[in-house]
C-alpha atoms as a PDB file:
ATOM      1  CA  MET A   1       0.000   0.000   0.000  1.00  0.00           C
ATOM      2  CA  ALA A   2       1.277   3.431  -0.809  1.00  0.00           C
ATOM      3  CA  ASN A   3       1.159   6.628   1.180  1.00  0.00           C
ATOM      4  CA  GLY A   4       1.756   9.134  -1.582  1.00  0.00           C
ATOM      5  CA  SER A   5       1.181  12.534  -0.058  1.00  0.00           C
ATOM      6  CA  GLY A   6       3.614  15.193  -1.142  1.00  0.00           C
ATOM      7  CA  ASN A   7       2.005  16.679  -4.221  1.00  0.00           C
ATOM      8  CA  GLY A   8       2.634  20.309  -3.401  1.00  0.00           C
ATOM      9  CA  SER A   9       4.434  22.802  -5.571  1.00  0.00           C
ATOM     10  CA  GLY A  10       7.663  22.691  -3.617  1.00  0.00           C
ATOM     11  CA  ASN A  11       9.640  25.175  -1.572  1.00  0.00           C
ATOM     12  CA  SER A  12      12.264  27.214  -3.414  1.00  0.00           C
ATOM     13  CA  SER A  13      14.383  27.533  -0.279  1.00  0.00           C
ATOM     14  CA  GLN A  14      14.897  23.765  -0.192  1.00  0.00           C
ATOM     15  CA  SER A  15      17.944  22.146  -1.726  1.00  0.00           C
ATOM     16  CA  GLU A  16      17.371  20.157  -4.889  1.00  0.00           C
ATOM     17  CA  PRO A  17      16.138  16.644  -4.087  1.00  0.00           C
ATOM     18  CA  VAL A  18      18.311  13.741  -5.199  1.00  0.00           C
ATOM     19  CA  ILE A  19      17.025  10.268  -6.113  1.00  0.00           C
ATOM     20  CA  VAL A  20      19.100   7.432  -4.644  1.00  0.00           C
ATOM     21  CA  ARG A  21      18.958   3.653  -4.700  1.00  0.00           C
ATOM     22  CA  LEU A  22      18.658   2.185  -1.212  1.00  0.00           C
ATOM     23  CA  ASP A  23      20.443  -0.765   0.342  1.00  0.00           C
ATOM     24  CA  GLY A  24      20.508  -2.307   3.808  1.00  0.00           C
ATOM     25  CA  THR A  25      22.383   0.660   5.255  1.00  0.00           C
ATOM     26  CA  ALA A  26      19.198   2.751   4.872  1.00  0.00           C
ATOM     27  CA  THR A  27      17.028   0.285   6.786  1.00  0.00           C
ATOM     28  CA  ASN A  28      16.621   2.319   9.987  1.00  0.00           C
ATOM     29  CA  GLU A  29      15.767   5.541   8.145  1.00  0.00           C
ATOM     30  CA  ALA A  30      13.327   3.722   5.861  1.00  0.00           C
ATOM     31  CA  ARG A  31      11.628   2.088   8.860  1.00  0.00           C
ATOM     32  CA  SER A  32      11.129   5.446  10.546  1.00  0.00           C
ATOM     33  CA  ILE A  33       9.691   7.120   7.425  1.00  0.00           C
ATOM     34  CA  LEU A  34       7.289   4.267   6.703  1.00  0.00           C
ATOM     35  CA  TYR A  35       6.205   3.912  10.331  1.00  0.00           C
ATOM     36  CA  HIS A  36       5.191   7.568  10.518  1.00  0.00           C
ATOM     37  CA  ALA A  37       3.615   7.391   7.057  1.00  0.00           C
ATOM     38  CA  TYR A  38       1.462   4.354   7.809  1.00  0.00           C
ATOM     39  CA  ARG A  39       0.578   4.362  11.500  1.00  0.00           C
ATOM     40  CA  GLN A  40      -2.452   6.607  10.895  1.00  0.00           C
ATOM     41  CA  GLU A  41      -3.477   4.969   7.627  1.00  0.00           C
ATOM     42  CA  PRO A  42      -6.980   3.441   7.801  1.00  0.00           C
ATOM     43  CA  THR A  43      -5.746   0.184   6.229  1.00  0.00           C
ATOM     44  CA  PHE A  44      -3.050  -0.355   8.842  1.00  0.00           C
ATOM     45  CA  GLN A  45      -5.373   0.716  11.645  1.00  0.00           C
ATOM     46  CA  TYR A  46      -7.849  -1.965  10.581  1.00  0.00           C
ATOM     47  CA  LEU A  47      -5.348  -4.732   9.820  1.00  0.00           C
ATOM     48  CA  PHE A  48      -3.423  -4.280  13.074  1.00  0.00           C
ATOM     49  CA  ASP A  49      -6.339  -3.240  15.296  1.00  0.00           C
ATOM     50  CA  HIS A  50      -5.437   0.243  16.520  1.00  0.00           C
ATOM     51  CA  ARG A  51      -8.033  -0.050  19.316  1.00  0.00           C
ATOM     52  CA  ARG A  52      -6.069  -2.837  20.993  1.00  0.00           C
ATOM     53  CA  PRO A  53      -2.977  -2.065  23.147  1.00  0.00           C
ATOM     54  CA  GLY A  54       0.354  -2.455  21.363  1.00  0.00           C
ATOM     55  CA  TYR A  55      -0.756  -1.057  17.994  1.00  0.00           C
ATOM     56  CA  ASP A  56       2.389   1.045  17.471  1.00  0.00           C
ATOM     57  CA  GLN A  57       4.597  -1.974  18.187  1.00  0.00           C
ATOM     58  CA  ARG A  58       2.648  -4.064  15.648  1.00  0.00           C
ATOM     59  CA  VAL A  59       3.052  -1.376  12.988  1.00  0.00           C
ATOM     60  CA  ARG A  60       6.785  -1.082  13.676  1.00  0.00           C
ATOM     61  CA  ALA A  61       7.187  -4.877  13.534  1.00  0.00           C
ATOM     62  CA  THR A  62       5.285  -5.149  10.254  1.00  0.00           C
ATOM     63  CA  ILE A  63       7.293  -2.368   8.595  1.00  0.00           C
ATOM     64  CA  ARG A  64      10.538  -3.970   9.819  1.00  0.00           C
ATOM     65  CA  GLU A  65       9.629  -7.433   8.555  1.00  0.00           C
ATOM     66  CA  LEU A  66       8.426  -6.162   5.165  1.00  0.00           C
ATOM     67  CA  ILE A  67      11.548  -4.065   4.583  1.00  0.00           C
ATOM     68  CA  ASP A  68      13.804  -6.961   5.549  1.00  0.00           C
ATOM     69  CA  LEU A  69      11.852  -9.311   3.282  1.00  0.00           C
ATOM     70  CA  TYR A  70      12.083  -7.057   0.229  1.00  0.00           C
ATOM     71  CA  PHE A  71      15.789  -6.402   0.759  1.00  0.00           C
ATOM     72  CA  ASN A  72      16.417 -10.148   1.210  1.00  0.00           C
ATOM     73  CA  LEU A  73      14.583 -10.787  -2.068  1.00  0.00           C
ATOM     74  CA  ASP A  74      16.775  -8.183  -3.826  1.00  0.00           C
ATOM     75  CA  GLN A  75      13.867  -5.975  -4.780  1.00  0.00           C
ATOM     76  CA  GLU A  76      14.385  -2.419  -5.973  1.00  0.00           C
ATOM     77  CA  ALA A  77      14.210   0.334  -3.353  1.00  0.00           C
ATOM     78  CA  ILE A  78      14.680   4.040  -3.995  1.00  0.00           C
ATOM     79  CA  GLY A  79      14.577   7.198  -1.939  1.00  0.00           C
ATOM     80  CA  VAL A  80      14.628  10.976  -2.092  1.00  0.00           C
ATOM     81  CA  MET A  81      17.481  12.772  -0.325  1.00  0.00           C
ATOM     82  CA  VAL A  82      17.311  16.444   0.669  1.00  0.00           C
ATOM     83  CA  ASP A  83      20.310  18.027   2.398  1.00  0.00           C
ATOM     84  CA  ASP A  84      21.740  14.555   3.168  1.00  0.00           C
ATOM     85  CA  THR A  85      18.448  13.538   4.790  1.00  0.00           C
ATOM     86  CA  LEU A  86      16.364  10.656   3.461  1.00  0.00           C
ATOM     87  CA  VAL A  87      12.849  12.124   3.215  1.00  0.00           C
ATOM     88  CA  ALA A  88      10.912   9.591   1.117  1.00  0.00           C
ATOM     89  CA  VAL A  89      11.227   5.913   0.190  1.00  0.00           C
ATOM     90  CA  ALA A  90       9.582   3.410  -2.128  1.00  0.00           C
ATOM     91  CA  PHE A  91       9.958  -0.361  -2.462  1.00  0.00           C
ATOM     92  CA  ILE A  92       9.158  -1.877  -5.866  1.00  0.00           C
ATOM     93  CA  GLY A  93       8.096  -5.489  -6.328  1.00  0.00           C
ATOM     94  CA  ASP A  94       9.309  -7.053  -9.584  1.00  0.00           C
ATOM     95  CA  PRO A  95       6.544  -8.554 -11.791  1.00  0.00           C
ATOM     96  CA  GLU A  96       8.350 -11.894 -11.821  1.00  0.00           C
ATOM     97  CA  LEU A  97       8.366 -12.075  -8.020  1.00  0.00           C
ATOM     98  CA  ARG A  98       4.629 -12.958  -7.922  1.00  0.00           C
ATOM     99  CA  MET A  99       5.044 -13.225  -4.182  1.00  0.00           C
ATOM    100  CA  ASN A 100       2.580 -15.089  -2.040  1.00  0.00           C
ATOM    101  CA  LEU A 101       3.326 -13.993   1.515  1.00  0.00           C
ATOM    102  CA  ALA A 102       1.733 -17.166   2.842  1.00  0.00           C
ATOM    103  CA  ASP A 103       4.633 -19.089   1.259  1.00  0.00           C
ATOM    104  CA  GLN A 104       7.221 -16.973   3.099  1.00  0.00           C
ATOM    105  CA  PHE A 105       7.382 -19.304   6.086  1.00  0.00           C
ATOM    106  CA  SER A 106      10.086 -17.619   8.164  1.00  0.00           C
ATOM    107  CA  TRP A 107       8.532 -14.189   7.518  1.00  0.00           C
ATOM    108  CA  ARG A 108       5.122 -15.500   8.568  1.00  0.00           C
ATOM    109  CA  ILE A 109       6.509 -16.948  11.802  1.00  0.00           C
ATOM    110  CA  ARG A 110       8.224 -13.660  12.698  1.00  0.00           C
ATOM    111  CA  MET A 111       5.005 -11.769  11.969  1.00  0.00           C
ATOM    112  CA  VAL A 112       2.983 -14.055  14.234  1.00  0.00           C
ATOM    113  CA  LEU A 113       5.542 -13.655  17.014  1.00  0.00           C
ATOM    114  CA  THR A 114       5.685  -9.860  16.749  1.00  0.00           C
ATOM    115  CA  THR A 115       2.184  -8.816  15.642  1.00  0.00           C
ATOM    116  CA  GLY A 116       0.064 -11.788  16.738  1.00  0.00           C
ATOM    117  CA  PHE A 117      -1.865 -14.428  14.834  1.00  0.00           C
ATOM    118  CA  ALA A 118      -5.002 -12.328  14.196  1.00  0.00           C
ATOM    119  CA  SER A 119      -3.089  -9.403  12.636  1.00  0.00           C
ATOM    120  CA  THR A 120      -0.938 -11.722  10.547  1.00  0.00           C
ATOM    121  CA  ARG A 121      -4.022 -13.555   9.266  1.00  0.00           C
ATOM    122  CA  ARG A 122      -5.724 -10.284   8.378  1.00  0.00           C
ATOM    123  CA  TYR A 123      -2.648  -9.057   6.546  1.00  0.00           C
ATOM    124  CA  LEU A 124      -2.278 -12.313   4.589  1.00  0.00           C
ATOM    125  CA  ASP A 125      -5.944 -12.251   3.587  1.00  0.00           C
ATOM    126  CA  TYR A 126      -5.648  -8.608   2.498  1.00  0.00           C
ATOM    127  CA  HIS A 127      -2.469  -9.353   0.501  1.00  0.00           C
ATOM    128  CA  GLU A 128      -4.144 -12.320  -1.216  1.00  0.00           C
ATOM    129  CA  LYS A 129      -7.105 -10.166  -2.279  1.00  0.00           C
ATOM    130  CA  ILE A 130      -4.693  -7.709  -3.894  1.00  0.00           C
ATOM    131  CA  ARG A 131      -2.901 -10.577  -5.671  1.00  0.00           C
ATOM    132  CA  ASN A 132      -6.229 -11.744  -7.081  1.00  0.00           C
ATOM    133  CA  MET A 133      -6.780  -8.294  -8.623  1.00  0.00           C
ATOM    134  CA  LEU A 134      -3.409  -8.058 -10.353  1.00  0.00           C
ATOM    135  CA  PRO A 135      -3.641  -7.533 -14.112  1.00  0.00           C
ATOM    136  CA  GLN A 136      -2.278  -9.965 -16.666  1.00  0.00           C
ATOM    137  CA  PRO A 137       0.461  -9.850 -17.691  1.00  0.00           C
ATOM    138  CA  LEU A 138       1.576  -9.086 -14.177  1.00  0.00           C
ATOM    139  CA  ALA A 139       2.682  -5.633 -13.166  1.00  0.00           C
ATOM    140  CA  HIS A 140       5.213  -4.173 -10.810  1.00  0.00           C
ATOM    141  CA  GLN A 141       3.830  -3.587  -7.326  1.00  0.00           C
ATOM    142  CA  LEU A 142       4.455  -0.711  -4.944  1.00  0.00           C
ATOM    143  CA  PRO A 143       3.928  -2.322  -1.521  1.00  0.00           C
ATOM    144  CA  LEU A 144       5.579   0.434   0.499  1.00  0.00           C
ATOM    145  CA  MET A 145       5.912   4.136  -0.257  1.00  0.00           C
ATOM    146  CA  GLY A 146       6.001   7.033   2.151  1.00  0.00           C
ATOM    147  CA  VAL A 147       7.154  10.590   2.684  1.00  0.00           C
ATOM    148  CA  ASN A 148       8.448  11.850   6.013  1.00  0.00           C
ATOM    149  CA  PRO A 149       5.533  13.885   7.436  1.00  0.00           C
ATOM    150  CA  LYS A 150       7.860  16.851   7.996  1.00  0.00           C
ATOM    151  CA  TYR A 151       8.558  16.954   4.243  1.00  0.00           C
ATOM    152  CA  GLN A 152       5.082  16.378   2.844  1.00  0.00           C
ATOM    153  CA  ASN A 153       3.341  18.749   0.425  1.00  0.00           C
ATOM    154  CA  ARG A 154       6.630  19.718  -1.208  1.00  0.00           C
ATOM    155  CA  GLY A 155       6.352  17.552  -4.309  1.00  0.00           C
ATOM    156  CA  TYR A 156       8.602  14.723  -3.075  1.00  0.00           C
ATOM    157  CA  GLY A 157       5.837  12.117  -3.289  1.00  0.00           C
ATOM    158  CA  ARG A 158       5.180  12.983  -6.923  1.00  0.00           C
ATOM    159  CA  LEU A 159       8.899  12.991  -7.714  1.00  0.00           C
ATOM    160  CA  LEU A 160       9.281   9.579  -6.090  1.00  0.00           C
ATOM    161  CA  LEU A 161       6.303   8.116  -7.945  1.00  0.00           C
ATOM    162  CA  LYS A 162       7.497   9.441 -11.302  1.00  0.00           C
ATOM    163  CA  THR A 163      10.890   7.843 -10.656  1.00  0.00           C
ATOM    164  CA  VAL A 164       9.199   4.537  -9.827  1.00  0.00           C
ATOM    165  CA  GLU A 165       7.207   4.766 -13.065  1.00  0.00           C
ATOM    166  CA  LYS A 166      10.409   5.453 -15.028  1.00  0.00           C
ATOM    167  CA  LEU A 167      12.097   2.383 -13.511  1.00  0.00           C
ATOM    168  CA  CYS A 168       9.064   0.279 -14.392  1.00  0.00           C
ATOM    169  CA  ALA A 169       9.137   1.561 -17.972  1.00  0.00           C
ATOM    170  CA  GLU A 170      12.776   0.464 -18.243  1.00  0.00           C
ATOM    171  CA  ASN A 171      11.811  -3.089 -17.266  1.00  0.00           C
ATOM    172  CA  PRO A 172      10.088  -4.888 -20.172  1.00  0.00           C
ATOM    173  CA  ARG A 173       8.811  -7.722 -17.974  1.00  0.00           C
ATOM    174  CA  GLY A 174       5.925  -5.777 -16.471  1.00  0.00           C
ATOM    175  CA  SER A 175       2.710  -4.306 -17.864  1.00  0.00           C
ATOM    176  CA  GLY A 176       2.564  -1.404 -15.450  1.00  0.00           C
ATOM    177  CA  LEU A 177       2.405  -0.505 -11.777  1.00  0.00           C
ATOM    178  CA  VAL A 178      -0.072  -1.516  -9.049  1.00  0.00           C
ATOM    179  CA  LEU A 179      -0.502   0.216  -5.703  1.00  0.00           C
ATOM    180  CA  ASP A 180      -3.243   0.535  -3.136  1.00  0.00           C
ATOM    181  CA  THR A 181      -4.363   3.032  -0.542  1.00  0.00           C
ATOM    182  CA  GLY A 182      -6.986   3.109   2.167  1.00  0.00           C
ATOM    183  CA  ASN A 183      -6.939   6.894   2.289  1.00  0.00           C
ATOM    184  CA  SER A 184      -9.379   8.324  -0.237  1.00  0.00           C
ATOM    185  CA  ARG A 185      -7.818  11.783  -0.021  1.00  0.00           C
ATOM    186  CA  TYR A 186      -4.852  10.449  -1.996  1.00  0.00           C
ATOM    187  CA  LEU A 187      -7.026   9.292  -4.904  1.00  0.00           C
ATOM    188  CA  PRO A 188      -6.952  12.620  -6.828  1.00  0.00           C
ATOM    189  CA  PHE A 189      -3.144  12.569  -6.607  1.00  0.00           C
ATOM    190  CA  TYR A 190      -2.923   9.054  -8.059  1.00  0.00           C
ATOM    191  CA  GLU A 191      -5.587   9.765 -10.677  1.00  0.00           C
ATOM    192  CA  SER A 192      -3.581  12.813 -11.789  1.00  0.00           C
ATOM    193  CA  GLU A 193      -0.672  10.413 -12.332  1.00  0.00           C
ATOM    194  CA  GLY A 194      -2.752   8.225 -14.648  1.00  0.00           C
ATOM    195  CA  PHE A 195      -3.843   5.474 -12.252  1.00  0.00           C
ATOM    196  CA  ARG A 196      -7.244   3.806 -12.620  1.00  0.00           C
ATOM    197  CA  SER A 197      -9.143   1.550 -10.253  1.00  0.00           C
ATOM    198  CA  LEU A 198      -8.763  -2.228 -10.352  1.00  0.00           C
ATOM    199  CA  GLY A 199     -11.292  -2.616  -7.551  1.00  0.00           C
ATOM    200  CA  LYS A 200     -11.840  -2.138  -3.848  1.00  0.00           C
ATOM    201  CA  ILE A 201     -11.251  -4.307  -0.801  1.00  0.00           C
ATOM    202  CA  ARG A 202     -13.732  -3.956   2.046  1.00  0.00           C
ATOM    203  CA  LEU A 203     -11.902  -3.586   5.364  1.00  0.00           C
ATOM    204  CA  GLY A 204     -14.330  -3.055   8.217  1.00  0.00           C
ATOM    205  CA  ASP A 205     -16.280   0.142   7.601  1.00  0.00           C
ATOM    206  CA  PHE A 206     -14.112   1.506   4.758  1.00  0.00           C
ATOM    207  CA  GLU A 207     -12.607   0.407   1.449  1.00  0.00           C
ATOM    208  CA  ASP A 208      -9.007   0.007   0.319  1.00  0.00           C
ATOM    209  CA  HIS A 209      -8.531   1.148  -3.287  1.00  0.00           C
ATOM    210  CA  VAL A 210      -6.352  -0.948  -5.617  1.00  0.00           C
ATOM    211  CA  LEU A 211      -5.020   1.143  -8.504  1.00  0.00           C
ATOM    212  CA  PHE A 212      -3.144   0.392 -11.733  1.00  0.00           C
ATOM    213  CA  ARG A 213      -1.254   2.428 -14.285  1.00  0.00           C
ATOM    214  CA  GLU A 214      -0.036   0.951 -17.562  1.00  0.00           C
ATOM    215  CA  VAL A 215       3.662   1.546 -18.186  1.00  0.00           C
ATOM    216  CA  HIS A 216       4.851   0.140 -21.497  1.00  0.00           C
ATOM    217  CA  PRO A 217       8.486   0.569 -22.593  1.00  0.00           C
ATOM    218  CA  GLU A 218       7.444   0.331 -26.253  1.00  0.00           C
ATOM    219  CA  SER A 219       4.870   3.093 -26.076  1.00  0.00           C
ATOM    220  CA  LYS A 220       7.257   5.234 -24.032  1.00  0.00           C
ATOM    221  CA  ALA A 221       9.968   4.878 -26.673  1.00  0.00           C
ATOM    222  CA  ALA A 222       7.500   5.585 -29.463  1.00  0.00           C
ATOM    223  CA  SER A 223       6.253   8.677 -27.674  1.00  0.00           C
ATOM    224  CA  GLU A 224       9.783   9.965 -27.214  1.00  0.00           C
ATOM    225  CA  GLY A 225      10.507   9.326 -30.885  1.00  0.00           C
ATOM    226  CA  ARG A 226       7.667  11.585 -31.979  1.00  0.00           C
ATOM    227  CA  HIS A 227       9.098  14.622 -30.157  1.00  0.00           C
END
């Protein structure tokens, strides 16, 4: 699921943002950004039961386990740096990964131990529903994306998403990019970036929106050739 706020016009007093590829050395910074980006998201609040004590610990554990899993699977991760500070991150799932989290046994065990059986089961069910909506041929997925709350509304979310789309266009194995959000206020932002709905997942009293944007290397090259 993606937390894509950061679609403002920018602040001229800020240094120019720099796109970087992330490795394991950025784990702690990425965890912090994604924790603050997701802890108030309706989807996470439902999946990890924010009304029950220990919610923050369950969110932290889930972010930690997901980041470690994607790094261990050698998936692409990028970030935005401003003044030597990492302010936004995105993890990109390769189309060929076709990951079923239920098959990730060691990950599942760690999730049960740190977030509890009920939260793990909810998350697996939610992930499976998203998998069932994926287009054919399969697309890249954007399971984690967030902007440090202190740096939101400065255009960094849009910059990050455009960079993700560019990386997807350079990879001929995918048909596009899939992401989801439980926060309807982000929908205009994603729609402005060309995403359309694949469907909705009912989570308690709200809906999580699964979105798709086609990204074809061939059409991109043809478009560039016409200019």
